[in-house]
C-alpha cells in the first residue's frame, strides 16, 4: 500500500512515528522479504 504524501504525513502523525525512521526501517524489512517494489517506494518516499 502506498500513501500519498499527505496521507503518509497523517498516518505518521496519528501513530506518533517519525516518517524518515519508519520508512527506512520499512525499506530494510521489505528488502529482506524480497518485496523490491515496496522497498523502492519506501526509499523514494524518504528522498
Protein backbone atom coordinates (compact mmCIF):
# COMPACT_ATOMS: atom_id res chain seq x y z
CA UNK A 1 0.00 0.00 0.00
CA UNK A 2 1.43 3.35 -0.99
CA UNK A 3 0.29 6.57 0.62
CA UNK A 4 0.17 9.97 -0.99
CA UNK A 5 2.47 12.45 0.81
CA UNK A 6 -0.39 13.98 2.80
CA UNK A 7 -1.78 10.58 3.77
CA UNK A 8 1.67 9.40 4.83
CA UNK A 9 2.12 12.52 6.94
CA UNK A 10 -1.26 12.00 8.61
CA UNK A 11 -0.63 8.32 9.36
CA UNK A 12 2.77 9.11 10.88
CA UNK A 13 1.27 11.90 12.97
CA UNK A 14 -1.53 9.69 14.30
CA UNK A 15 0.88 6.84 15.09
CA UNK A 16 3.37 9.31 16.56
CA UNK A 17 6.26 7.99 14.49
CA UNK A 18 8.96 9.81 12.58
CA UNK A 19 8.43 9.28 8.85
CA UNK A 20 12.09 9.01 7.81
CA UNK A 21 12.97 6.50 10.51
CA UNK A 22 9.84 4.44 9.85
CA UNK A 23 10.29 4.38 6.08
CA UNK A 24 13.97 3.48 6.40
CA UNK A 25 13.07 0.54 8.62
CA UNK A 26 10.25 -0.44 6.29
CA UNK A 27 12.66 -0.43 3.34
CA UNK A 28 15.03 -2.80 5.16
CA UNK A 29 12.21 -5.17 6.07
CA UNK A 30 10.83 -5.15 2.53
CA UNK A 31 14.25 -5.91 1.04
CA UNK A 32 14.77 -8.76 3.50
CA UNK A 33 11.40 -10.21 2.47
CA UNK A 34 12.18 -9.62 -1.24
CA UNK A 35 9.43 -7.05 -1.69
CA UNK A 36 11.53 -4.98 -4.06
CA UNK A 37 8.82 -2.63 -5.40
CA UNK A 38 7.70 -1.75 -1.88
CA UNK A 39 11.30 -1.28 -0.74
CA UNK A 40 11.99 1.04 -3.67
CA UNK A 41 8.85 3.04 -2.89
CA UNK A 42 9.91 3.41 0.75
CA UNK A 43 13.37 4.56 -0.30
CA UNK A 44 11.96 7.05 -2.80
CA UNK A 45 9.48 8.41 -0.26
CA UNK A 46 12.38 9.32 2.04
CA UNK A 47 14.13 11.25 -0.73
